Amino acid sequence: MRLSAKKIYYAIKTQIYYRLFFKKIGMLSIIIKPLKVVNRKNILIGGKIVINDFSWLQAEKKGSILILDNTRIGHFSHIIAYKEVIIGKNVLIADKVFITDCSHSYHKIDMPILNQELKLLKPVKISEGSWIGENVSIIGASIGKNSIVGANSVVTKDIPDYSVAAGNPAVIIKTYDMEKKEWIKVY
């Protein structure tokens, strides 16, 4: 893989400078011009990770973000962990993806939502080999191994292994049949 001058600069900055502030950053990982990083000591980044420009990583005080080896995260992605967000090995995440395990409370009608507490929905796990399309929101749900989430989808329920999901809310539209060795449409 040939790196541009920009990627070489950020590879060096990641390994020398960013490494001082994160819980862990693995070898050959690159964080390019992050927009915002909150509670870096609660964020563990494996090896050969690329996190592209203007991404936002936020682990709340008791939360953690774990990104495993050889994963690619697109531009303007936003990941928030109130408790736990795990992104498995070899995951491809497109641009403008939002991943969270929490939501804002809104029960106090005399208080702006901005000032209300966050509440845990469910820890999020994106399993190895998955592909998350552009503009996807994953909110308190997990994605199975080698699964695909189509562009512009909103995932609020778990997606099983070897599935293709799309829509708002996302529904499973294909699954892989291990006996037939082919993708089968689901209606």
N, C-alpha and C. Protein backbone atom coordinates (compact mmCIF):
# COMPACT_ATOMS: atom_id res chain seq x y z
N MET A 1 0.85 -1.17 0.00
CA MET A 1 0.00 0.00 0.00
C MET A 1 0.89 1.23 0.00
N ARG A 2 0.70 2.10 -0.96
CA ARG A 2 1.48 3.33 -1.07
C ARG A 2 0.76 4.44 -0.31
N LEU A 3 1.48 5.11 0.57
CA LEU A 3 0.89 6.16 1.39
C LEU A 3 1.21 7.54 0.81
N SER A 4 0.21 8.43 0.89
CA SER A 4 0.43 9.82 0.48
C SER A 4 1.25 10.51 1.56
N ALA A 5 1.76 11.69 1.25
CA ALA A 5 2.52 12.48 2.23
C ALA A 5 1.67 12.77 3.46
N LYS A 6 0.38 13.05 3.23
CA LYS A 6 -0.55 13.32 4.35
C LYS A 6 -0.67 12.10 5.26
N LYS A 7 -0.83 10.91 4.68
CA LYS A 7 -0.97 9.70 5.49
C LYS A 7 0.33 9.37 6.22
N ILE A 8 1.46 9.63 5.58
CA ILE A 8 2.75 9.39 6.25
C ILE A 8 2.88 10.32 7.46
N TYR A 9 2.52 11.59 7.28
CA TYR A 9 2.56 12.55 8.38
C TYR A 9 1.69 12.06 9.55
N TYR A 10 0.45 11.66 9.25
CA TYR A 10 -0.46 11.23 10.32
C TYR A 10 -0.09 9.87 10.89
N ALA A 11 0.55 9.02 10.10
CA ALA A 11 1.04 7.74 10.64
C ALA A 11 2.10 8.01 11.71
N ILE A 12 3.02 8.92 11.41
CA ILE A 12 4.06 9.27 12.37
C ILE A 12 3.45 9.96 13.60
N LYS A 13 2.53 10.90 13.37
CA LYS A 13 1.89 11.60 14.47
C LYS A 13 1.11 10.63 15.36
N THR A 14 0.42 9.66 14.74
CA THR A 14 -0.34 8.67 15.51
C THR A 14 0.59 7.85 16.39
N GLN A 15 1.68 7.36 15.81
CA GLN A 15 2.56 6.45 16.54
C GLN A 15 3.41 7.16 17.61
N ILE A 16 3.70 8.43 17.40
CA ILE A 16 4.54 9.15 18.36
C ILE A 16 3.71 10.00 19.32
N TYR A 17 2.78 10.77 18.80
CA TYR A 17 2.04 11.73 19.63
C TYR A 17 0.75 11.15 20.20
N TYR A 18 -0.14 10.70 19.33
CA TYR A 18 -1.44 10.18 19.82
C TYR A 18 -1.28 9.00 20.76
N ARG A 19 -0.25 8.20 20.52
CA ARG A 19 -0.02 7.01 21.36
C ARG A 19 0.11 7.37 22.84
N LEU A 20 0.56 8.58 23.14
CA LEU A 20 0.73 9.01 24.53
C LEU A 20 -0.59 9.19 25.26
N PHE A 21 -1.68 9.41 24.52
CA PHE A 21 -2.94 9.79 25.14
C PHE A 21 -4.02 8.71 25.13
N PHE A 22 -3.92 7.76 24.22
CA PHE A 22 -4.92 6.69 24.13
C PHE A 22 -4.53 5.54 25.04
N LYS A 23 -5.52 4.70 25.37
CA LYS A 23 -5.22 3.51 26.16
C LYS A 23 -4.20 2.66 25.43
N LYS A 24 -4.42 2.48 24.12
CA LYS A 24 -3.47 1.74 23.29
C LYS A 24 -3.72 2.10 21.83
N ILE A 25 -2.64 2.19 21.08
CA ILE A 25 -2.70 2.31 19.63
C ILE A 25 -1.71 1.30 19.07
N GLY A 26 -2.22 0.37 18.26
CA GLY A 26 -1.39 -0.67 17.68
C GLY A 26 -0.49 -0.16 16.57
N MET A 27 0.43 -0.99 16.17
CA MET A 27 1.40 -0.66 15.13
C MET A 27 0.69 -0.44 13.78
N LEU A 28 1.22 0.49 13.03
CA LEU A 28 0.77 0.83 11.68
C LEU A 28 -0.64 1.42 11.63
N SER A 29 -1.15 1.89 12.76
CA SER A 29 -2.46 2.55 12.76
C SER A 29 -2.29 4.03 12.46
N ILE A 30 -3.32 4.61 11.83
CA ILE A 30 -3.27 6.01 11.43
C ILE A 30 -4.58 6.68 11.82
N ILE A 31 -4.47 7.78 12.57
CA ILE A 31 -5.63 8.62 12.87
C ILE A 31 -5.38 9.94 12.14
N ILE A 32 -6.24 10.24 11.17
CA ILE A 32 -6.04 11.42 10.34
C ILE A 32 -6.96 12.54 10.81
N LYS A 33 -6.38 13.62 11.23
CA LYS A 33 -7.08 14.84 11.58
C LYS A 33 -8.42 14.61 12.29
N PRO A 34 -8.42 14.08 13.53
CA PRO A 34 -9.69 13.84 14.21
C PRO A 34 -10.41 15.15 14.53
N LEU A 35 -11.72 15.14 14.46
CA LEU A 35 -12.52 16.30 14.81
C LEU A 35 -12.57 16.46 16.33
N LYS A 36 -12.84 15.33 17.01
CA LYS A 36 -12.98 15.38 18.47
C LYS A 36 -12.68 14.00 19.04
N VAL A 37 -11.94 13.97 20.16
CA VAL A 37 -11.69 12.73 20.87
C VAL A 37 -11.89 13.02 22.35
N VAL A 38 -12.79 12.25 22.99
CA VAL A 38 -13.12 12.47 24.41
C VAL A 38 -12.78 11.21 25.19
N ASN A 39 -12.08 11.39 26.31
CA ASN A 39 -11.65 10.29 27.19
C ASN A 39 -10.79 9.27 26.43
N ARG A 40 -9.70 9.74 25.90
CA ARG A 40 -8.79 8.92 25.09
C ARG A 40 -8.28 7.69 25.83
N LYS A 41 -8.14 7.80 27.13
CA LYS A 41 -7.63 6.66 27.92
C LYS A 41 -8.62 5.50 27.95
N ASN A 42 -9.84 5.72 27.48
CA ASN A 42 -10.85 4.67 27.41
C ASN A 42 -11.03 4.14 25.99
N ILE A 43 -10.10 4.48 25.10
CA ILE A 43 -10.19 4.08 23.70
C ILE A 43 -8.96 3.25 23.34
N LEU A 44 -9.21 2.03 22.86
CA LEU A 44 -8.14 1.12 22.48
C LEU A 44 -8.24 0.88 20.98
N ILE A 45 -7.17 1.15 20.26
CA ILE A 45 -7.13 1.02 18.81
C ILE A 45 -6.09 -0.04 18.46
N GLY A 46 -6.52 -1.06 17.73
CA GLY A 46 -5.62 -2.15 17.35
C GLY A 46 -4.63 -1.73 16.27
N GLY A 47 -4.02 -2.72 15.64
CA GLY A 47 -3.03 -2.48 14.61
C GLY A 47 -3.63 -2.36 13.22
N LYS A 48 -2.95 -1.61 12.37
CA LYS A 48 -3.35 -1.41 10.97
C LYS A 48 -4.75 -0.81 10.84
N ILE A 49 -5.10 0.10 11.72
CA ILE A 49 -6.38 0.80 11.69
C ILE A 49 -6.19 2.11 10.94
N VAL A 50 -7.18 2.50 10.15
CA VAL A 50 -7.18 3.84 9.55
C VAL A 50 -8.49 4.50 9.98
N ILE A 51 -8.36 5.64 10.67
CA ILE A 51 -9.51 6.46 11.04
C ILE A 51 -9.35 7.76 10.27
N ASN A 52 -10.26 7.99 9.33
CA ASN A 52 -10.11 9.12 8.41
C ASN A 52 -10.53 10.45 9.01
N ASP A 53 -10.31 11.52 8.24
CA ASP A 53 -10.50 12.91 8.65
C ASP A 53 -11.85 13.17 9.35
N PHE A 54 -11.79 14.02 10.35
CA PHE A 54 -12.93 14.61 11.03
C PHE A 54 -13.82 13.60 11.73
N SER A 55 -13.26 12.48 12.15
CA SER A 55 -14.03 11.52 12.94
C SER A 55 -14.07 11.96 14.39
N TRP A 56 -15.12 11.51 15.08
CA TRP A 56 -15.36 11.88 16.47
C TRP A 56 -15.45 10.60 17.27
N LEU A 57 -14.55 10.41 18.22
CA LEU A 57 -14.55 9.26 19.11
C LEU A 57 -14.80 9.76 20.52
N GLN A 58 -15.84 9.24 21.16
CA GLN A 58 -16.17 9.70 22.51
C GLN A 58 -16.54 8.52 23.39
N ALA A 59 -15.71 8.26 24.38
CA ALA A 59 -16.00 7.26 25.40
C ALA A 59 -16.37 8.02 26.67
N GLU A 60 -17.55 7.78 27.16
CA GLU A 60 -17.95 8.43 28.41
C GLU A 60 -17.06 7.92 29.54
N LYS A 61 -17.15 8.51 30.73
CA LYS A 61 -16.23 8.20 31.82
C LYS A 61 -16.13 6.71 32.13
N LYS A 62 -17.25 5.99 32.09
CA LYS A 62 -17.23 4.55 32.37
C LYS A 62 -17.36 3.73 31.09
N GLY A 63 -17.27 4.37 29.96
CA GLY A 63 -17.42 3.69 28.68
C GLY A 63 -16.09 3.34 28.05
N SER A 64 -16.15 2.48 27.03
CA SER A 64 -14.93 2.14 26.31
C SER A 64 -15.24 1.88 24.84
N ILE A 65 -14.26 2.25 24.02
CA ILE A 65 -14.32 1.96 22.59
C ILE A 65 -13.12 1.06 22.28
N LEU A 66 -13.40 -0.06 21.61
CA LEU A 66 -12.37 -1.00 21.21
C LEU A 66 -12.49 -1.21 19.71
N ILE A 67 -11.43 -0.86 18.97
CA ILE A 67 -11.41 -1.03 17.52
C ILE A 67 -10.30 -2.02 17.22
N LEU A 68 -10.68 -3.20 16.68
CA LEU A 68 -9.71 -4.27 16.45
C LEU A 68 -9.01 -4.13 15.10
N ASP A 69 -8.00 -4.94 14.90
CA ASP A 69 -7.04 -4.84 13.79
C ASP A 69 -7.68 -4.75 12.39
N ASN A 70 -6.97 -4.01 11.54
CA ASN A 70 -7.23 -3.93 10.11
C ASN A 70 -8.62 -3.40 9.77
N THR A 71 -9.11 -2.47 10.55
CA THR A 71 -10.43 -1.87 10.32
C THR A 71 -10.23 -0.49 9.70
N ARG A 72 -11.16 -0.09 8.84
CA ARG A 72 -11.13 1.22 8.18
C ARG A 72 -12.39 1.97 8.57
N ILE A 73 -12.21 3.21 9.05
CA ILE A 73 -13.33 4.06 9.45
C ILE A 73 -13.30 5.30 8.58
N GLY A 74 -14.43 5.60 7.94
CA GLY A 74 -14.52 6.69 6.98
C GLY A 74 -14.55 8.08 7.60
N HIS A 75 -14.52 9.06 6.73
CA HIS A 75 -14.55 10.48 7.11
C HIS A 75 -15.85 10.81 7.85
N PHE A 76 -15.77 11.75 8.77
CA PHE A 76 -16.92 12.29 9.50
C PHE A 76 -17.70 11.23 10.29
N SER A 77 -17.07 10.13 10.65
CA SER A 77 -17.75 9.11 11.45
C SER A 77 -17.80 9.57 12.90
N HIS A 78 -18.81 9.08 13.63
CA HIS A 78 -19.07 9.55 14.99
C HIS A 78 -19.39 8.31 15.83
N ILE A 79 -18.52 8.02 16.80
CA ILE A 79 -18.70 6.83 17.66
C ILE A 79 -18.74 7.29 19.11
N ILE A 80 -19.85 6.95 19.80
CA ILE A 80 -20.00 7.31 21.21
C ILE A 80 -20.27 6.04 22.01
N ALA A 81 -19.52 5.85 23.10
CA ALA A 81 -19.72 4.70 23.99
C ALA A 81 -20.05 5.19 25.39
N TYR A 82 -21.26 4.93 25.84
CA TYR A 82 -21.64 5.18 27.23
C TYR A 82 -21.11 4.04 28.09
N LYS A 83 -21.24 2.81 27.56
CA LYS A 83 -20.69 1.64 28.23
C LYS A 83 -19.64 0.96 27.34
N GLU A 84 -20.07 0.46 26.15
CA GLU A 84 -19.11 -0.27 25.33
C GLU A 84 -19.51 -0.32 23.86
N VAL A 85 -18.56 0.04 23.01
CA VAL A 85 -18.68 -0.15 21.57
C VAL A 85 -17.43 -0.92 21.13
N ILE A 86 -17.67 -2.07 20.49
CA ILE A 86 -16.58 -2.90 19.99
C ILE A 86 -16.73 -3.02 18.48
N ILE A 87 -15.65 -2.73 17.77
CA ILE A 87 -15.62 -2.89 16.32
C ILE A 87 -14.59 -3.96 16.03
N GLY A 88 -15.03 -5.06 15.42
CA GLY A 88 -14.18 -6.23 15.20
C GLY A 88 -13.12 -6.03 14.14
N LYS A 89 -12.39 -7.10 13.88
CA LYS A 89 -11.31 -7.09 12.89
C LYS A 89 -11.88 -6.99 11.47
N ASN A 90 -11.12 -6.34 10.60
CA ASN A 90 -11.42 -6.31 9.17
C ASN A 90 -12.79 -5.74 8.86
N VAL A 91 -13.21 -4.73 9.61
CA VAL A 91 -14.50 -4.07 9.37
C VAL A 91 -14.27 -2.85 8.49
N LEU A 92 -15.17 -2.64 7.55
CA LEU A 92 -15.13 -1.48 6.67
C LEU A 92 -16.31 -0.59 7.02
N ILE A 93 -16.02 0.63 7.46
CA ILE A 93 -17.05 1.60 7.83
C ILE A 93 -16.91 2.80 6.90
N ALA A 94 -17.97 3.08 6.16
CA ALA A 94 -17.95 4.17 5.17
C ALA A 94 -17.99 5.53 5.87
N ASP A 95 -18.11 6.59 5.09
CA ASP A 95 -18.17 7.96 5.61
C ASP A 95 -19.50 8.24 6.30
N LYS A 96 -19.46 9.18 7.24
CA LYS A 96 -20.64 9.73 7.92
C LYS A 96 -21.48 8.66 8.61
N VAL A 97 -20.82 7.75 9.31
CA VAL A 97 -21.51 6.69 10.06
C VAL A 97 -21.57 7.09 11.53
N PHE A 98 -22.73 6.87 12.15
CA PHE A 98 -22.95 7.18 13.57
C PHE A 98 -23.18 5.86 14.30
N ILE A 99 -22.38 5.62 15.34
CA ILE A 99 -22.48 4.38 16.12
C ILE A 99 -22.54 4.77 17.59
N THR A 100 -23.57 4.30 18.31
CA THR A 100 -23.69 4.62 19.73
C THR A 100 -24.42 3.51 20.48
N ASP A 101 -24.13 3.42 21.77
CA ASP A 101 -24.84 2.49 22.64
C ASP A 101 -25.78 3.24 23.59
N CYS A 102 -26.01 4.53 23.33
CA CYS A 102 -26.81 5.33 24.26
C CYS A 102 -27.69 6.34 23.53
N SER A 103 -28.52 7.00 24.32
CA SER A 103 -29.39 8.05 23.79
C SER A 103 -29.59 9.09 24.89
N HIS A 104 -30.04 10.27 24.51
CA HIS A 104 -30.37 11.29 25.51
C HIS A 104 -31.71 10.98 26.14
N SER A 105 -31.81 11.18 27.44
CA SER A 105 -33.11 11.11 28.11
C SER A 105 -33.91 12.34 27.71
N TYR A 106 -35.21 12.21 27.74
CA TYR A 106 -36.07 13.35 27.39
C TYR A 106 -37.32 13.39 28.27
N HIS A 107 -37.27 12.72 29.40
CA HIS A 107 -38.45 12.60 30.26
C HIS A 107 -38.74 13.84 31.10
N LYS A 108 -37.75 14.68 31.35
CA LYS A 108 -37.96 15.90 32.13
C LYS A 108 -38.36 17.02 31.17
N ILE A 109 -39.65 17.23 31.04
CA ILE A 109 -40.12 18.18 30.01
C ILE A 109 -39.81 19.63 30.35
N ASP A 110 -39.43 19.90 31.59
CA ASP A 110 -39.08 21.27 31.98
C ASP A 110 -37.57 21.55 31.81
N MET A 111 -36.86 20.57 31.25
CA MET A 111 -35.41 20.70 31.08
C MET A 111 -35.05 20.43 29.61
N PRO A 112 -34.18 21.26 29.04
CA PRO A 112 -33.75 20.97 27.66
C PRO A 112 -33.13 19.57 27.56
N ILE A 113 -33.39 18.88 26.48
CA ILE A 113 -32.85 17.54 26.28
C ILE A 113 -31.33 17.56 26.36
N LEU A 114 -30.71 18.60 25.86
CA LEU A 114 -29.26 18.75 25.90
C LEU A 114 -28.72 18.60 27.32
N ASN A 115 -29.46 19.03 28.32
CA ASN A 115 -29.01 19.00 29.71
C ASN A 115 -29.40 17.73 30.46
N GLN A 116 -30.14 16.84 29.81
CA GLN A 116 -30.56 15.61 30.47
C GLN A 116 -29.50 14.53 30.31
N GLU A 117 -29.56 13.53 31.19
CA GLU A 117 -28.57 12.46 31.22
C GLU A 117 -28.63 11.59 29.97
N LEU A 118 -27.48 10.99 29.67
CA LEU A 118 -27.47 9.94 28.66
C LEU A 118 -27.98 8.67 29.32
N LYS A 119 -28.60 7.81 28.52
CA LYS A 119 -29.04 6.51 29.05
C LYS A 119 -28.53 5.41 28.14
N LEU A 120 -28.10 4.32 28.75
CA LEU A 120 -27.60 3.17 28.01
C LEU A 120 -28.75 2.48 27.31
N LEU A 121 -28.57 2.20 26.03
CA LEU A 121 -29.54 1.40 25.29
C LEU A 121 -29.09 -0.06 25.35
N LYS A 122 -27.96 -0.34 24.73
CA LYS A 122 -27.37 -1.67 24.73
C LYS A 122 -25.96 -1.56 24.16
N PRO A 123 -24.97 -2.26 24.75
CA PRO A 123 -23.63 -2.23 24.17
C PRO A 123 -23.68 -2.66 22.69
N VAL A 124 -22.79 -2.10 21.90
CA VAL A 124 -22.76 -2.34 20.45
C VAL A 124 -21.53 -3.16 20.10
N LYS A 125 -21.74 -4.16 19.24
CA LYS A 125 -20.61 -4.91 18.69
C LYS A 125 -20.82 -5.05 17.19
N ILE A 126 -19.83 -4.61 16.44
CA ILE A 126 -19.83 -4.82 15.00
C ILE A 126 -18.81 -5.93 14.75
N SER A 127 -19.31 -7.08 14.35
CA SER A 127 -18.46 -8.26 14.25
C SER A 127 -17.55 -8.23 13.03
N GLU A 128 -16.53 -9.07 13.08
CA GLU A 128 -15.47 -9.08 12.07
C GLU A 128 -16.00 -9.27 10.65
N GLY A 129 -15.31 -8.60 9.73
CA GLY A 129 -15.60 -8.77 8.32
C GLY A 129 -16.83 -8.05 7.81
N SER A 130 -17.46 -7.23 8.63
CA SER A 130 -18.69 -6.55 8.22
C SER A 130 -18.39 -5.27 7.44
N TRP A 131 -19.40 -4.80 6.74
CA TRP A 131 -19.31 -3.58 5.94
C TRP A 131 -20.50 -2.71 6.30
N ILE A 132 -20.22 -1.50 6.77
CA ILE A 132 -21.25 -0.54 7.14
C ILE A 132 -21.25 0.56 6.09
N GLY A 133 -22.36 0.73 5.38
CA GLY A 133 -22.45 1.68 4.27
C GLY A 133 -22.52 3.13 4.72
N GLU A 134 -22.44 4.00 3.75
CA GLU A 134 -22.44 5.45 3.97
C GLU A 134 -23.71 5.92 4.68
N ASN A 135 -23.54 6.87 5.60
CA ASN A 135 -24.67 7.52 6.29
C ASN A 135 -25.48 6.60 7.18
N VAL A 136 -24.95 5.50 7.63
CA VAL A 136 -25.68 4.56 8.49
C VAL A 136 -25.64 5.05 9.93
N SER A 137 -26.74 4.81 10.65
CA SER A 137 -26.78 5.02 12.11
C SER A 137 -27.02 3.67 12.77
N ILE A 138 -26.16 3.32 13.72
CA ILE A 138 -26.32 2.10 14.50
C ILE A 138 -26.51 2.55 15.94
N ILE A 139 -27.71 2.31 16.46
CA ILE A 139 -28.10 2.86 17.75
C ILE A 139 -28.51 1.71 18.68
N GLY A 140 -27.61 1.31 19.58
CA GLY A 140 -27.92 0.26 20.55
C GLY A 140 -28.21 -1.08 19.91
N ALA A 141 -27.49 -1.42 18.85
CA ALA A 141 -27.70 -2.70 18.17
C ALA A 141 -26.34 -3.25 17.74
N SER A 142 -26.30 -4.55 17.49
CA SER A 142 -25.06 -5.19 17.07
C SER A 142 -25.20 -5.75 15.66
N ILE A 143 -24.07 -5.89 14.98
CA ILE A 143 -24.02 -6.36 13.61
C ILE A 143 -23.22 -7.66 13.61
N GLY A 144 -23.77 -8.71 12.98
CA GLY A 144 -23.13 -10.01 12.95
C GLY A 144 -21.95 -10.09 12.00
N LYS A 145 -21.25 -11.20 12.08
CA LYS A 145 -20.05 -11.47 11.28
C LYS A 145 -20.37 -11.44 9.79
N ASN A 146 -19.48 -10.79 9.02
CA ASN A 146 -19.56 -10.70 7.56
C ASN A 146 -20.93 -10.22 7.08
N SER A 147 -21.51 -9.29 7.80
CA SER A 147 -22.81 -8.73 7.42
C SER A 147 -22.62 -7.37 6.79
N ILE A 148 -23.65 -6.93 6.07
CA ILE A 148 -23.62 -5.66 5.36
C ILE A 148 -24.82 -4.84 5.80
N VAL A 149 -24.59 -3.54 6.04
CA VAL A 149 -25.68 -2.62 6.30
C VAL A 149 -25.65 -1.59 5.18
N GLY A 150 -26.76 -1.52 4.41
CA GLY A 150 -26.83 -0.64 3.25
C GLY A 150 -26.83 0.82 3.62
N ALA A 151 -26.41 1.64 2.68
CA ALA A 151 -26.31 3.09 2.88
C ALA A 151 -27.63 3.67 3.38
N ASN A 152 -27.53 4.70 4.23
CA ASN A 152 -28.65 5.46 4.76
C ASN A 152 -29.58 4.67 5.67
N SER A 153 -29.13 3.54 6.17
CA SER A 153 -29.96 2.71 7.05
C SER A 153 -29.85 3.16 8.50
N VAL A 154 -30.90 2.87 9.27
CA VAL A 154 -30.92 3.12 10.71
C VAL A 154 -31.14 1.78 11.39
N VAL A 155 -30.11 1.32 12.11
CA VAL A 155 -30.15 0.00 12.74
C VAL A 155 -30.45 0.16 14.22
N THR A 156 -31.59 -0.39 14.66
CA THR A 156 -31.98 -0.33 16.07
C THR A 156 -32.18 -1.72 16.66
N LYS A 157 -32.06 -2.76 15.82
CA LYS A 157 -32.18 -4.15 16.28
C LYS A 157 -30.99 -4.93 15.72
N ASP A 158 -30.56 -5.95 16.45
CA ASP A 158 -29.40 -6.74 16.06
C ASP A 158 -29.58 -7.35 14.67
N ILE A 159 -28.49 -7.38 13.92
CA ILE A 159 -28.44 -8.00 12.60
C ILE A 159 -27.58 -9.26 12.75
N PRO A 160 -28.10 -10.45 12.36
CA PRO A 160 -27.32 -11.68 12.56
C PRO A 160 -26.15 -11.82 11.58
N ASP A 161 -25.32 -12.83 11.83
CA ASP A 161 -24.19 -13.14 10.95
C ASP A 161 -24.68 -13.36 9.52
N TYR A 162 -23.81 -13.04 8.56
CA TYR A 162 -24.03 -13.32 7.14
C TYR A 162 -25.38 -12.83 6.65
N SER A 163 -25.67 -11.56 6.93
CA SER A 163 -26.93 -10.94 6.53
C SER A 163 -26.67 -9.62 5.84
N VAL A 164 -27.63 -9.20 5.02
CA VAL A 164 -27.63 -7.88 4.42
C VAL A 164 -28.88 -7.19 4.95
N ALA A 165 -28.71 -5.99 5.52
CA ALA A 165 -29.84 -5.23 6.06
C ALA A 165 -29.85 -3.85 5.44
N ALA A 166 -31.04 -3.29 5.28
CA ALA A 166 -31.17 -1.95 4.73
C ALA A 166 -32.49 -1.36 5.17
N GLY A 167 -32.57 -0.02 5.13
CA GLY A 167 -33.82 0.67 5.41
C GLY A 167 -33.81 1.43 6.72
N ASN A 168 -34.95 2.10 6.95
CA ASN A 168 -35.17 2.88 8.17
C ASN A 168 -36.57 2.58 8.68
N PRO A 169 -36.67 1.70 9.68
CA PRO A 169 -35.59 0.97 10.37
C PRO A 169 -35.05 -0.15 9.48
N ALA A 170 -33.81 -0.52 9.72
CA ALA A 170 -33.17 -1.55 8.91
C ALA A 170 -33.85 -2.90 9.13
N VAL A 171 -34.05 -3.61 8.02
CA VAL A 171 -34.58 -4.97 8.06
C VAL A 171 -33.65 -5.85 7.22
N ILE A 172 -33.67 -7.13 7.51
CA ILE A 172 -32.82 -8.07 6.77
C ILE A 172 -33.45 -8.30 5.40
N ILE A 173 -32.63 -8.10 4.35
CA ILE A 173 -33.13 -8.31 2.98
C ILE A 173 -32.48 -9.52 2.31
N LYS A 174 -31.34 -9.97 2.83
CA LYS A 174 -30.68 -11.17 2.31
C LYS A 174 -29.95 -11.87 3.45
N THR A 175 -29.82 -13.19 3.32
CA THR A 175 -28.97 -13.97 4.22
C THR A 175 -28.18 -14.96 3.39
N TYR A 176 -27.07 -15.39 3.92
CA TYR A 176 -26.25 -16.36 3.20
C TYR A 176 -26.66 -17.76 3.62
N ASP A 177 -27.02 -18.60 2.65
CA ASP A 177 -27.40 -19.99 2.90
C ASP A 177 -26.14 -20.84 2.80
N MET A 178 -25.72 -21.38 3.94
CA MET A 178 -24.47 -22.15 4.00
C MET A 178 -24.56 -23.45 3.19
N GLU A 179 -25.74 -24.07 3.12
CA GLU A 179 -25.88 -25.31 2.35
C GLU A 179 -25.84 -25.05 0.85
N LYS A 180 -26.57 -24.03 0.38
CA LYS A 180 -26.61 -23.71 -1.04
C LYS A 180 -25.40 -22.90 -1.49
N LYS A 181 -24.71 -22.31 -0.51
CA LYS A 181 -23.55 -21.46 -0.75
C LYS A 181 -23.89 -20.28 -1.66
N GLU A 182 -24.99 -19.58 -1.30
CA GLU A 182 -25.42 -18.40 -2.05
C GLU A 182 -26.26 -17.49 -1.15
N TRP A 183 -26.32 -16.22 -1.58
CA TRP A 183 -27.14 -15.23 -0.88
C TRP A 183 -28.59 -15.42 -1.30
N ILE A 184 -29.49 -15.47 -0.33
CA ILE A 184 -30.91 -15.69 -0.56
C ILE A 184 -31.68 -14.44 -0.14
N LYS A 185 -32.58 -13.96 -1.01
CA LYS A 185 -33.42 -12.81 -0.67
C LYS A 185 -34.43 -13.20 0.40
N VAL A 186 -34.69 -12.28 1.30
CA VAL A 186 -35.65 -12.48 2.37
C VAL A 186 -36.78 -11.47 2.18
N TYR A 187 -38.02 -11.93 2.19
CA TYR A 187 -39.16 -11.01 2.03
C TYR A 187 -40.08 -11.08 3.20
